[in-house]
Protein backbone atom coordinates (compact mmCIF):
# COMPACT_ATOMS: atom_id res chain seq x y z
CA UNK A 1 91.21 -7.98 16.75
CA UNK A 2 88.48 -5.50 16.00
CA UNK A 3 86.04 -5.40 13.09
CA UNK A 4 85.55 -2.01 11.50
CA UNK A 5 82.53 -3.35 9.59
CA UNK A 6 80.64 -4.30 12.74
CA UNK A 7 82.34 -1.97 15.21
CA UNK A 8 82.93 -4.91 17.53
CA UNK A 9 85.83 -6.87 18.95
CA UNK A 10 86.44 -10.22 17.24
CA UNK A 11 86.81 -13.27 19.46
CA UNK A 12 88.14 -16.56 18.08
CA UNK A 13 87.02 -19.79 19.73
CA UNK A 14 89.60 -22.52 20.21
CA UNK A 15 87.82 -24.50 17.48
CA UNK A 16 88.19 -21.56 15.08
CA UNK A 17 91.90 -21.25 15.91
CA UNK A 18 92.42 -24.95 15.16
CA UNK A 19 90.60 -24.66 11.83
CA UNK A 20 92.64 -21.56 10.94
CA UNK A 21 95.87 -23.51 11.51
CA UNK A 22 94.59 -26.48 9.47
CA UNK A 23 93.68 -24.17 6.60
CA UNK A 24 96.81 -21.99 6.71
CA UNK A 25 94.87 -18.86 7.60
CA UNK A 26 96.12 -16.08 9.84
CA UNK A 27 94.15 -13.52 11.84
CA UNK A 28 94.61 -10.85 9.15
CA UNK A 29 92.94 -13.07 6.54
CA UNK A 30 90.05 -13.89 8.87
CA UNK A 31 89.57 -10.20 9.61
CA UNK A 32 89.61 -9.43 5.87
CA UNK A 33 86.80 -11.95 5.34
CA UNK A 34 84.83 -10.42 8.23
CA UNK A 35 85.27 -6.83 7.10
CA UNK A 36 85.06 -7.18 3.30
CA UNK A 37 83.41 -10.54 2.58
CA UNK A 38 79.81 -11.27 1.63
CA UNK A 39 77.48 -11.33 4.64
CA UNK A 40 74.72 -13.96 4.86
CA UNK A 41 72.36 -13.92 7.82
CA UNK A 42 71.79 -17.37 9.33
CA UNK A 43 69.17 -16.20 11.87
CA UNK A 44 69.19 -15.53 15.62
CA UNK A 45 72.46 -13.58 15.55
CA UNK A 46 74.34 -16.21 13.54
CA UNK A 47 75.95 -15.39 10.21
CA UNK A 48 78.31 -16.55 7.53
CA UNK A 49 80.90 -14.23 6.02
CA UNK A 50 82.66 -15.51 2.94
CA UNK A 51 85.10 -14.43 0.27
CA UNK A 52 87.01 -15.79 -2.71
CA UNK A 53 90.79 -15.32 -2.93
CA UNK A 54 92.39 -15.77 -6.36
CA UNK A 55 95.67 -17.07 -4.90
CA UNK A 56 94.02 -19.92 -2.95
CA UNK A 57 92.80 -23.26 -4.28
CA UNK A 58 90.44 -23.95 -1.36
CA UNK A 59 87.75 -21.31 -2.02
CA UNK A 60 85.25 -20.15 -0.86
CA UNK A 61 86.63 -19.30 2.56
CA UNK A 62 83.93 -18.81 5.16
CA UNK A 63 83.77 -17.54 8.73
CA UNK A 64 80.81 -18.78 10.78
CA UNK A 65 80.11 -16.34 13.58
CA UNK A 66 77.67 -15.14 16.21
CA UNK A 67 77.11 -11.43 16.67
CA UNK A 68 76.56 -10.43 20.29
CA UNK A 69 78.61 -7.92 22.31
CA UNK A 70 81.47 -9.18 20.17
CA UNK A 71 81.70 -11.01 16.88
CA UNK A 72 82.47 -14.55 18.02
CA UNK A 73 84.05 -16.71 15.32
CA UNK A 74 82.84 -20.27 15.87
CA UNK A 75 84.60 -21.97 12.96
CA UNK A 76 86.41 -21.41 9.69
CA UNK A 77 85.41 -23.35 6.59
CA UNK A 78 86.90 -23.82 3.14
CA UNK A 79 85.37 -25.18 -0.08
CA UNK A 80 82.19 -23.58 1.27
CA UNK A 81 79.02 -23.22 -0.78
CA UNK A 82 76.37 -20.72 0.26
CA UNK A 83 72.84 -22.02 0.64
CA UNK A 84 70.27 -20.61 -1.78
């Protein structure tokens, strides 16, 4: 996978892959969140990317990632609430 938003390859950790399966999310949906979702900086290269999908009952969907030489997806969350 490759993010057009960040111009970087996207790497999914094993933990992220497990959470994707648990939450019925495929790589295309994760990439959509990365490329079109709301970006929130978490400091030191860490970020949250999140998006609401009308056809899902488990919103907000959130990708927790680290931006380095690639965008490394650490985990996938649902029912997420952004911090103020």
